[in-house]
């Protein structure tokens, strides 16, 4: 998914809390010129829309800083949220153009009905729901599909068995279990009530 958002350079000496009160969210852009960062502000409504449509370390964002001017491909690297209000507090963007391959986290999309669940009474267990990969910014997959239909009771799929799009490399631990079909828990079968 590609998103385009506009923002402005943060005025020098501006206070983050005053910006937030006026409907602006402070942000930073890193990686556009080595280690230098640019302080930015975004409209709070733009941030709200961005967080509904995109996700951290996964969505490629075409960032347009209108008053410098600077435009380029970025990844949303971090979202700080206010501890009490749960509203976005600060964002960090990382410019990816010209940096070669980048590391991102991609959600796993589990498809199909496992034989071990449907016919053998097992329970599908998904210990991880995303995986870290390395690829060119323009090749970031929105999701990686995991077909579970052939899994029987006691079967597992590991990270190394994932089918990846071309140009995408796994950098997570290959032996890690992605999904397995577990036997039904004994307590569910006995029907006994727990006493508290």
Protein backbone atom coordinates (compact mmCIF):
# COMPACT_ATOMS: atom_id res chain seq x y z
CA UNK A 1 0.00 0.00 0.00
CA UNK A 2 1.23 3.47 -0.92
CA UNK A 3 -0.04 6.53 0.94
CA UNK A 4 0.65 10.20 0.22
CA UNK A 5 0.63 12.72 3.06
CA UNK A 6 1.60 16.38 3.31
CA UNK A 7 3.29 18.03 6.27
CA UNK A 8 5.26 21.16 7.19
CA UNK A 9 8.58 21.88 8.84
CA UNK A 10 8.09 22.50 12.54
CA UNK A 11 8.54 26.23 13.36
CA UNK A 12 11.70 26.85 15.39
CA UNK A 13 11.04 27.28 19.09
CA UNK A 14 7.51 25.82 18.87
CA UNK A 15 6.37 23.84 21.89
CA UNK A 16 5.07 20.29 21.20
CA UNK A 17 2.10 20.64 23.59
CA UNK A 18 1.04 23.96 22.04
CA UNK A 19 1.18 22.29 18.60
CA UNK A 20 -1.01 19.41 19.81
CA UNK A 21 -3.56 21.86 21.27
CA UNK A 22 -3.76 23.59 17.87
CA UNK A 23 -4.50 20.26 16.10
CA UNK A 24 -0.95 19.53 14.89
CA UNK A 25 1.12 16.42 15.75
CA UNK A 26 4.94 16.75 16.02
CA UNK A 27 7.03 14.36 13.92
CA UNK A 28 10.60 13.79 12.71
CA UNK A 29 12.03 12.68 9.38
CA UNK A 30 15.28 10.68 9.56
CA UNK A 31 17.60 9.28 6.92
CA UNK A 32 16.99 11.81 4.14
CA UNK A 33 20.59 13.13 4.38
CA UNK A 34 22.64 10.78 6.50
CA UNK A 35 22.10 11.47 10.20
CA UNK A 36 20.37 14.84 9.91
CA UNK A 37 16.72 14.90 10.97
CA UNK A 38 13.96 17.37 10.08
CA UNK A 39 11.38 18.34 12.73
CA UNK A 40 7.88 18.30 11.18
CA UNK A 41 4.24 18.84 12.06
CA UNK A 42 1.22 17.05 10.62
CA UNK A 43 -2.46 17.84 10.85
CA UNK A 44 -4.04 15.59 13.52
CA UNK A 45 -6.76 14.46 11.07
CA UNK A 46 -4.08 13.40 8.55
CA UNK A 47 -2.34 11.39 11.31
CA UNK A 48 -5.64 9.73 12.26
CA UNK A 49 -6.26 8.69 8.63
CA UNK A 50 -2.64 7.52 8.24
CA UNK A 51 -2.87 5.26 11.30
CA UNK A 52 -6.14 3.71 10.04
CA UNK A 53 -4.74 2.96 6.57
CA UNK A 54 -1.07 2.24 7.29
CA UNK A 55 1.03 0.44 9.86
CA UNK A 56 4.40 0.89 11.53
CA UNK A 57 7.38 -0.59 9.64
CA UNK A 58 5.18 -1.87 6.83
CA UNK A 59 3.48 0.87 4.81
CA UNK A 60 5.39 2.91 2.25
CA UNK A 61 4.43 6.58 2.60
CA UNK A 62 5.06 9.28 0.01
CA UNK A 63 5.89 12.17 2.35
CA UNK A 64 5.61 15.68 0.97
CA UNK A 65 7.17 18.43 3.14
CA UNK A 66 5.57 21.40 1.40
CA UNK A 67 7.65 24.29 2.77
CA UNK A 68 11.27 22.96 2.43
CA UNK A 69 10.43 21.50 -0.22
CA UNK A 70 11.23 17.79 0.18
CA UNK A 71 9.34 14.80 -1.16
CA UNK A 72 10.26 11.12 -0.94
CA UNK A 73 9.37 7.57 0.05
CA UNK A 74 9.38 6.91 3.79
CA UNK A 75 8.39 4.26 6.31
CA UNK A 76 6.53 5.10 9.50
CA UNK A 77 9.09 3.86 12.06
CA UNK A 78 7.48 4.80 15.36
CA UNK A 79 4.20 6.12 16.78
CA UNK A 80 4.27 7.46 20.33
CA UNK A 81 0.84 7.46 21.99
CA UNK A 82 -0.29 9.53 24.97
CA UNK A 83 -0.43 7.09 27.94
CA UNK A 84 -3.81 8.28 29.26
CA UNK A 85 -5.65 9.62 26.21
CA UNK A 86 -4.32 6.93 23.79
CA UNK A 87 -4.01 9.61 21.07
CA UNK A 88 -0.96 9.94 18.77
CA UNK A 89 1.71 12.08 20.43
CA UNK A 90 4.69 11.96 18.06
CA UNK A 91 5.60 10.19 14.80
CA UNK A 92 8.96 9.19 13.30
CA UNK A 93 9.47 8.69 9.55
CA UNK A 94 12.52 7.15 7.87
CA UNK A 95 13.43 8.05 4.28
CA UNK A 96 14.07 4.83 2.37
CA UNK A 97 14.90 6.02 -1.16
CA UNK A 98 18.55 5.46 -2.00
CA UNK A 99 19.11 3.29 1.09
CA UNK A 100 18.80 -0.06 -0.70
CA UNK A 101 16.92 -2.87 1.03
CA UNK A 102 15.11 -2.05 4.24
CA UNK A 103 13.91 -4.18 7.18
CA UNK A 104 10.15 -4.26 7.75
CA UNK A 105 7.58 -6.27 9.66
CA UNK A 106 4.88 -7.86 7.52
CA UNK A 107 1.61 -9.27 8.90
CA UNK A 108 0.83 -12.94 8.26
CA UNK A 109 -2.52 -13.76 6.65
CA UNK A 110 -3.71 -17.27 7.61
CA UNK A 111 -5.93 -18.79 4.91
CA UNK A 112 -7.82 -22.08 4.59
CA UNK A 113 -9.37 -24.45 7.14
CA UNK A 114 -6.90 -26.86 8.71
CA UNK A 115 -7.86 -30.55 8.41
CA UNK A 116 -6.68 -30.98 12.01
CA UNK A 117 -9.23 -28.43 13.21
CA UNK A 118 -12.14 -29.18 10.90
CA UNK A 119 -12.05 -33.00 11.01
CA UNK A 120 -9.80 -33.96 13.92
CA UNK A 121 -11.02 -31.56 16.63
CA UNK A 122 -7.75 -29.69 17.07
CA UNK A 123 -7.14 -26.02 17.84
CA UNK A 124 -5.21 -23.68 15.53
CA UNK A 125 -2.36 -21.95 17.40
CA UNK A 126 -0.65 -18.90 15.83
CA UNK A 127 2.21 -17.85 18.13
CA UNK A 128 3.37 -15.14 15.70
CA UNK A 129 1.20 -12.91 13.51
CA UNK A 130 3.94 -10.95 11.72
CA UNK A 131 7.45 -11.66 10.48
CA UNK A 132 10.50 -9.49 9.86
CA UNK A 133 11.74 -9.38 6.27
CA UNK A 134 14.30 -7.48 4.18
CA UNK A 135 13.41 -6.11 0.73
CA UNK A 136 13.47 -3.05 -1.51
CA UNK A 137 10.97 -0.37 -0.36
CA UNK A 138 8.86 -0.79 -3.50
CA UNK A 139 8.64 -4.58 -2.90
CA UNK A 140 7.18 -4.48 0.62
CA UNK A 141 4.31 -7.01 0.69
CA UNK A 142 1.12 -5.94 2.48
CA UNK A 143 0.82 -9.45 3.95
CA UNK A 144 2.42 -12.89 3.61
CA UNK A 145 -0.14 -15.63 3.01
CA UNK A 146 0.08 -18.78 5.13
CA UNK A 147 -2.08 -21.66 3.84
CA UNK A 148 -3.07 -23.89 6.78
CA UNK A 149 -5.52 -26.22 4.97
CA UNK A 150 -3.13 -29.22 4.84
CA UNK A 151 -2.24 -29.15 8.55
CA UNK A 152 -3.28 -32.19 10.59
CA UNK A 153 -3.39 -32.61 14.37
CA UNK A 154 0.19 -32.16 15.68
CA UNK A 155 1.48 -30.49 12.46
CA UNK A 156 3.38 -27.20 12.47
CA UNK A 157 4.66 -24.68 9.92
CA UNK A 158 7.93 -22.84 10.56
CA UNK A 159 9.24 -19.47 9.36
CA UNK A 160 11.57 -21.21 6.87
CA UNK A 161 8.54 -22.79 5.13
CA UNK A 162 6.81 -19.47 4.34
CA UNK A 163 6.27 -18.75 0.65
CA UNK A 164 7.70 -15.29 -0.03
CA UNK A 165 7.25 -12.88 -2.92
CA UNK A 166 10.28 -12.43 -5.18
CA UNK A 167 12.97 -10.17 -3.73
CA UNK A 168 11.81 -10.64 -0.13
CA UNK A 169 14.13 -12.33 2.40
CA UNK A 170 13.27 -13.53 5.90
CA UNK A 171 15.48 -12.10 8.66
CA UNK A 172 13.52 -13.66 11.52
CA UNK A 173 14.61 -16.93 13.19
CA UNK A 174 13.94 -19.65 10.58
CA UNK A 175 13.07 -22.40 13.07
CA UNK A 176 10.35 -20.32 14.75
CA UNK A 177 6.85 -21.90 14.70
CA UNK A 178 4.35 -19.79 12.75
CA UNK A 179 1.27 -21.98 13.17
CA UNK A 180 0.44 -25.41 14.58
CA UNK A 181 -2.61 -27.60 15.25
CA UNK A 182 -2.79 -28.52 18.92
CA UNK A 183 -4.89 -31.26 20.50
CA UNK A 184 -8.01 -29.96 22.29
CA UNK A 185 -7.30 -29.16 25.93
CA UNK A 186 -8.22 -31.90 28.37
CA UNK A 187 -10.16 -29.50 30.62
CA UNK A 188 -12.52 -28.66 27.73
CA UNK A 189 -13.30 -32.38 27.26
CA UNK A 190 -14.02 -33.24 30.89
CA UNK A 191 -16.67 -30.55 31.29
CA UNK A 192 -15.65 -30.04 34.94
CA UNK A 193 -16.34 -26.68 36.52
CA UNK A 194 -13.50 -24.83 38.14
CA UNK A 195 -13.98 -23.73 41.74
CA UNK A 196 -12.68 -20.28 42.57
